[in-house]
Amino acid sequence: MDFWEMSGRAREVRALYAELEVRRDGRAWSVTELMNGFTGDVGDLAKLIGAHTGSRPGPVDLAAALGHELADCLWSVLVIADAVGVDLEHAFTTTMDDLEHHVRSQLPSA
């Protein structure tokens, strides 16, 4: 699956959640609520990383749990970018180019 397919799939699932939220709460989540959900997912991921490094207990299938939580976090990033109108593919490419240039400028010349 390429980036645009992932983004489209994230939008489809977000639309389903929005429908559920409207039925349950009378309105879809705001971008602030999406961000709060993402923050919770990052906290869950942090706990699993702690289990991965041995500093805390974890689930029996840690690899599956890590994969799930990383996918949850990626979904949140894709959904939030869409909600605030950021072209994430462009932003990612530009940011990686900038970071690469910065890091290379800090390394000794070969």
N, C-alpha and C. Protein backbone atom coordinates (compact mmCIF):
# COMPACT_ATOMS: atom_id res chain seq x y z
N MET A 1 0.86 -1.18 0.00
CA MET A 1 0.00 0.00 0.00
C MET A 1 0.90 1.24 0.00
N ASP A 2 0.65 2.17 -0.93
CA ASP A 2 1.46 3.38 -0.97
C ASP A 2 0.85 4.46 -0.07
N PHE A 3 1.53 5.60 -0.01
CA PHE A 3 1.12 6.66 0.90
C PHE A 3 -0.32 7.12 0.63
N TRP A 4 -0.66 7.34 -0.64
CA TRP A 4 -1.99 7.85 -0.96
C TRP A 4 -3.08 6.82 -0.66
N GLU A 5 -2.78 5.56 -0.83
CA GLU A 5 -3.73 4.51 -0.46
C GLU A 5 -3.93 4.48 1.06
N MET A 6 -2.82 4.64 1.80
CA MET A 6 -2.92 4.68 3.26
C MET A 6 -3.74 5.88 3.71
N SER A 7 -3.49 7.03 3.11
CA SER A 7 -4.24 8.24 3.47
C SER A 7 -5.72 8.07 3.16
N GLY A 8 -6.04 7.49 2.02
CA GLY A 8 -7.43 7.26 1.65
C GLY A 8 -8.11 6.30 2.60
N ARG A 9 -7.41 5.25 2.96
CA ARG A 9 -7.96 4.26 3.91
C ARG A 9 -8.19 4.91 5.27
N ALA A 10 -7.24 5.75 5.70
CA ALA A 10 -7.40 6.47 6.98
C ALA A 10 -8.62 7.36 6.93
N ARG A 11 -8.86 8.06 5.81
CA ARG A 11 -10.03 8.92 5.67
C ARG A 11 -11.32 8.10 5.72
N GLU A 12 -11.31 6.93 5.07
CA GLU A 12 -12.50 6.06 5.08
C GLU A 12 -12.85 5.63 6.50
N VAL A 13 -11.84 5.20 7.25
CA VAL A 13 -12.09 4.74 8.62
C VAL A 13 -12.50 5.92 9.50
N ARG A 14 -11.88 7.09 9.27
CA ARG A 14 -12.26 8.28 10.03
C ARG A 14 -13.72 8.64 9.78
N ALA A 15 -14.17 8.52 8.53
CA ALA A 15 -15.57 8.81 8.19
C ALA A 15 -16.51 7.87 8.94
N LEU A 16 -16.13 6.62 9.07
CA LEU A 16 -16.95 5.67 9.83
C LEU A 16 -17.03 6.07 11.30
N TYR A 17 -15.87 6.44 11.87
CA TYR A 17 -15.87 6.90 13.26
C TYR A 17 -16.73 8.15 13.42
N ALA A 18 -16.63 9.08 12.46
CA ALA A 18 -17.44 10.30 12.55
C ALA A 18 -18.93 9.97 12.55
N GLU A 19 -19.33 9.02 11.71
CA GLU A 19 -20.73 8.59 11.69
C GLU A 19 -21.15 8.02 13.04
N LEU A 20 -20.28 7.19 13.61
CA LEU A 20 -20.56 6.62 14.93
C LEU A 20 -20.64 7.72 15.99
N GLU A 21 -19.73 8.68 15.96
CA GLU A 21 -19.73 9.78 16.93
C GLU A 21 -21.01 10.61 16.82
N VAL A 22 -21.46 10.87 15.60
CA VAL A 22 -22.69 11.64 15.40
C VAL A 22 -23.87 10.88 15.99
N ARG A 23 -23.94 9.59 15.74
CA ARG A 23 -25.04 8.78 16.29
C ARG A 23 -24.99 8.72 17.82
N ARG A 24 -23.79 8.60 18.35
CA ARG A 24 -23.61 8.43 19.79
C ARG A 24 -23.66 9.76 20.54
N ASP A 25 -22.99 10.79 19.99
CA ASP A 25 -22.79 12.05 20.72
C ASP A 25 -23.47 13.26 20.07
N GLY A 26 -24.04 13.05 18.89
CA GLY A 26 -24.68 14.16 18.21
C GLY A 26 -23.75 15.01 17.37
N ARG A 27 -22.46 14.69 17.35
CA ARG A 27 -21.47 15.42 16.56
C ARG A 27 -20.20 14.60 16.42
N ALA A 28 -19.47 14.89 15.36
CA ALA A 28 -18.17 14.22 15.16
C ALA A 28 -17.12 14.91 16.02
N TRP A 29 -16.06 14.20 16.30
CA TRP A 29 -14.96 14.75 17.08
C TRP A 29 -14.33 15.94 16.36
N SER A 30 -13.91 16.91 17.15
CA SER A 30 -13.14 18.05 16.63
C SER A 30 -11.68 17.63 16.45
N VAL A 31 -10.92 18.48 15.79
CA VAL A 31 -9.50 18.18 15.63
C VAL A 31 -8.80 18.15 16.99
N THR A 32 -9.27 18.94 17.93
CA THR A 32 -8.70 18.89 19.29
C THR A 32 -8.94 17.53 19.93
N GLU A 33 -10.13 16.99 19.75
CA GLU A 33 -10.42 15.67 20.30
C GLU A 33 -9.62 14.59 19.59
N LEU A 34 -9.43 14.74 18.28
CA LEU A 34 -8.57 13.80 17.56
C LEU A 34 -7.15 13.84 18.12
N MET A 35 -6.67 15.05 18.40
CA MET A 35 -5.33 15.20 18.96
C MET A 35 -5.24 14.58 20.34
N ASN A 36 -6.27 14.75 21.14
CA ASN A 36 -6.29 14.12 22.47
C ASN A 36 -6.26 12.60 22.35
N GLY A 37 -6.99 12.05 21.38
CA GLY A 37 -6.94 10.61 21.14
C GLY A 37 -5.55 10.16 20.74
N PHE A 38 -4.90 10.94 19.88
CA PHE A 38 -3.54 10.63 19.46
C PHE A 38 -2.59 10.64 20.66
N THR A 39 -2.76 11.61 21.54
CA THR A 39 -1.92 11.69 22.73
C THR A 39 -2.07 10.42 23.57
N GLY A 40 -3.29 9.93 23.69
CA GLY A 40 -3.51 8.67 24.41
C GLY A 40 -2.84 7.50 23.73
N ASP A 41 -2.90 7.47 22.39
CA ASP A 41 -2.23 6.40 21.64
C ASP A 41 -0.72 6.45 21.83
N VAL A 42 -0.15 7.65 21.86
CA VAL A 42 1.29 7.79 22.08
C VAL A 42 1.66 7.30 23.47
N GLY A 43 0.81 7.59 24.45
CA GLY A 43 1.05 7.07 25.81
C GLY A 43 1.01 5.56 25.84
N ASP A 44 0.06 4.97 25.13
CA ASP A 44 -0.02 3.51 25.05
C ASP A 44 1.23 2.94 24.37
N LEU A 45 1.69 3.61 23.33
CA LEU A 45 2.91 3.18 22.64
C LEU A 45 4.12 3.28 23.57
N ALA A 46 4.19 4.33 24.35
CA ALA A 46 5.30 4.49 25.29
C ALA A 46 5.35 3.33 26.28
N LYS A 47 4.20 2.90 26.75
CA LYS A 47 4.15 1.76 27.68
C LYS A 47 4.65 0.49 26.99
N LEU A 48 4.26 0.31 25.74
CA LEU A 48 4.71 -0.89 25.02
C LEU A 48 6.20 -0.84 24.72
N ILE A 49 6.73 0.33 24.45
CA ILE A 49 8.18 0.46 24.26
C ILE A 49 8.90 0.12 25.56
N GLY A 50 8.31 0.54 26.67
CA GLY A 50 8.87 0.15 27.97
C GLY A 50 8.90 -1.35 28.14
N ALA A 51 7.85 -2.02 27.69
CA ALA A 51 7.83 -3.49 27.75
C ALA A 51 8.87 -4.07 26.81
N HIS A 52 9.01 -3.47 25.64
CA HIS A 52 10.00 -3.94 24.66
C HIS A 52 11.42 -3.84 25.21
N THR A 53 11.70 -2.79 25.97
CA THR A 53 13.04 -2.62 26.53
C THR A 53 13.22 -3.31 27.88
N GLY A 54 12.15 -3.93 28.37
CA GLY A 54 12.24 -4.69 29.61
C GLY A 54 12.04 -3.88 30.88
N SER A 55 11.63 -2.62 30.76
CA SER A 55 11.47 -1.80 31.95
C SER A 55 10.08 -1.88 32.56
N ARG A 56 9.18 -2.59 31.89
CA ARG A 56 7.83 -2.78 32.43
C ARG A 56 7.23 -4.04 31.82
N PRO A 57 6.23 -4.60 32.46
CA PRO A 57 5.59 -5.79 31.88
C PRO A 57 4.80 -5.41 30.64
N GLY A 58 4.59 -6.40 29.80
CA GLY A 58 3.83 -6.16 28.57
C GLY A 58 2.92 -7.31 28.24
N PRO A 59 2.20 -7.19 27.15
CA PRO A 59 1.28 -8.25 26.74
C PRO A 59 2.04 -9.48 26.25
N VAL A 60 1.35 -10.59 26.17
CA VAL A 60 1.95 -11.83 25.71
C VAL A 60 2.49 -11.67 24.29
N ASP A 61 1.70 -11.09 23.40
CA ASP A 61 2.14 -10.88 22.01
C ASP A 61 2.55 -9.42 21.84
N LEU A 62 3.73 -9.11 22.34
CA LEU A 62 4.22 -7.74 22.33
C LEU A 62 4.41 -7.22 20.91
N ALA A 63 4.90 -8.05 20.02
CA ALA A 63 5.12 -7.60 18.64
C ALA A 63 3.81 -7.17 17.99
N ALA A 64 2.75 -7.94 18.20
CA ALA A 64 1.44 -7.59 17.64
C ALA A 64 0.92 -6.30 18.28
N ALA A 65 1.10 -6.15 19.57
CA ALA A 65 0.63 -4.95 20.27
C ALA A 65 1.38 -3.72 19.79
N LEU A 66 2.69 -3.84 19.59
CA LEU A 66 3.49 -2.73 19.06
C LEU A 66 3.02 -2.35 17.66
N GLY A 67 2.82 -3.33 16.82
CA GLY A 67 2.34 -3.07 15.47
C GLY A 67 1.00 -2.36 15.47
N HIS A 68 0.10 -2.83 16.32
CA HIS A 68 -1.23 -2.22 16.43
C HIS A 68 -1.12 -0.77 16.87
N GLU A 69 -0.34 -0.52 17.90
CA GLU A 69 -0.26 0.85 18.44
C GLU A 69 0.46 1.79 17.49
N LEU A 70 1.50 1.30 16.82
CA LEU A 70 2.16 2.13 15.81
C LEU A 70 1.20 2.47 14.67
N ALA A 71 0.39 1.51 14.27
CA ALA A 71 -0.61 1.76 13.23
C ALA A 71 -1.66 2.75 13.71
N ASP A 72 -2.10 2.64 14.97
CA ASP A 72 -3.03 3.62 15.54
C ASP A 72 -2.43 5.03 15.48
N CYS A 73 -1.16 5.15 15.85
CA CYS A 73 -0.51 6.46 15.84
C CYS A 73 -0.39 7.00 14.42
N LEU A 74 -0.02 6.14 13.48
CA LEU A 74 0.08 6.58 12.08
C LEU A 74 -1.28 7.03 11.58
N TRP A 75 -2.33 6.27 11.89
CA TRP A 75 -3.69 6.64 11.50
C TRP A 75 -4.04 8.02 12.04
N SER A 76 -3.73 8.26 13.31
CA SER A 76 -4.02 9.56 13.91
C SER A 76 -3.28 10.68 13.20
N VAL A 77 -2.03 10.48 12.90
CA VAL A 77 -1.26 11.51 12.19
C VAL A 77 -1.87 11.79 10.82
N LEU A 78 -2.23 10.75 10.09
CA LEU A 78 -2.84 10.93 8.77
C LEU A 78 -4.17 11.68 8.88
N VAL A 79 -4.98 11.32 9.86
CA VAL A 79 -6.30 11.93 10.04
C VAL A 79 -6.17 13.39 10.47
N ILE A 80 -5.25 13.66 11.39
CA ILE A 80 -5.06 15.04 11.85
C ILE A 80 -4.52 15.90 10.71
N ALA A 81 -3.56 15.39 9.95
CA ALA A 81 -3.04 16.15 8.80
C ALA A 81 -4.17 16.48 7.84
N ASP A 82 -5.03 15.52 7.57
CA ASP A 82 -6.17 15.75 6.69
C ASP A 82 -7.11 16.81 7.28
N ALA A 83 -7.35 16.73 8.57
CA ALA A 83 -8.28 17.65 9.23
C ALA A 83 -7.78 19.10 9.21
N VAL A 84 -6.47 19.29 9.24
CA VAL A 84 -5.92 20.65 9.27
C VAL A 84 -5.40 21.10 7.91
N GLY A 85 -5.61 20.25 6.89
CA GLY A 85 -5.26 20.64 5.53
C GLY A 85 -3.78 20.61 5.19
N VAL A 86 -3.02 19.72 5.83
CA VAL A 86 -1.60 19.59 5.55
C VAL A 86 -1.38 18.48 4.53
N ASP A 87 -0.64 18.79 3.47
CA ASP A 87 -0.22 17.79 2.50
C ASP A 87 0.96 17.06 3.13
N LEU A 88 0.67 15.97 3.80
CA LEU A 88 1.67 15.28 4.60
C LEU A 88 2.78 14.69 3.76
N GLU A 89 2.47 14.21 2.58
CA GLU A 89 3.52 13.67 1.72
C GLU A 89 4.53 14.76 1.37
N HIS A 90 4.05 15.92 1.00
CA HIS A 90 4.94 17.04 0.67
C HIS A 90 5.72 17.48 1.92
N ALA A 91 5.00 17.63 3.04
CA ALA A 91 5.65 18.07 4.28
C ALA A 91 6.73 17.08 4.72
N PHE A 92 6.45 15.80 4.58
CA PHE A 92 7.43 14.77 4.97
C PHE A 92 8.67 14.87 4.09
N THR A 93 8.46 14.95 2.78
CA THR A 93 9.58 15.01 1.85
C THR A 93 10.44 16.25 2.13
N THR A 94 9.81 17.38 2.29
CA THR A 94 10.54 18.63 2.56
C THR A 94 11.29 18.55 3.88
N THR A 95 10.63 18.04 4.91
CA THR A 95 11.27 17.93 6.22
C THR A 95 12.45 16.97 6.20
N MET A 96 12.30 15.83 5.53
CA MET A 96 13.42 14.88 5.44
C MET A 96 14.59 15.49 4.67
N ASP A 97 14.30 16.23 3.59
CA ASP A 97 15.37 16.91 2.85
C ASP A 97 16.09 17.91 3.75
N ASP A 98 15.33 18.69 4.52
CA ASP A 98 15.93 19.67 5.43
C ASP A 98 16.76 18.99 6.51
N LEU A 99 16.21 17.93 7.10
CA LEU A 99 16.95 17.21 8.15
C LEU A 99 18.22 16.57 7.60
N GLU A 100 18.11 15.97 6.42
CA GLU A 100 19.29 15.35 5.81
C GLU A 100 20.36 16.40 5.56
N HIS A 101 19.98 17.54 5.01
CA HIS A 101 20.94 18.62 4.76
C HIS A 101 21.60 19.07 6.07
N HIS A 102 20.78 19.25 7.12
CA HIS A 102 21.31 19.68 8.41
C HIS A 102 22.31 18.66 8.97
N VAL A 103 21.94 17.40 8.96
CA VAL A 103 22.82 16.37 9.54
C VAL A 103 24.09 16.25 8.71
N ARG A 104 23.96 16.23 7.40
CA ARG A 104 25.16 16.13 6.54
C ARG A 104 26.08 17.31 6.77
N SER A 105 25.53 18.49 7.00
CA SER A 105 26.38 19.67 7.23
C SER A 105 27.14 19.57 8.56
N GLN A 106 26.68 18.72 9.48
CA GLN A 106 27.33 18.54 10.77
C GLN A 106 28.38 17.43 10.76
N LEU A 107 28.38 16.60 9.71
CA LEU A 107 29.33 15.49 9.61
C LEU A 107 30.62 15.96 8.95
N PRO A 108 31.73 15.34 9.33
CA PRO A 108 32.99 15.71 8.68
C PRO A 108 32.95 15.35 7.18
N SER A 109 33.59 16.17 6.37
CA SER A 109 33.65 15.88 4.93
C SER A 109 34.46 14.63 4.69
N ALA A 110 34.03 13.85 3.72
CA ALA A 110 34.74 12.60 3.41
C ALA A 110 35.82 12.85 2.38
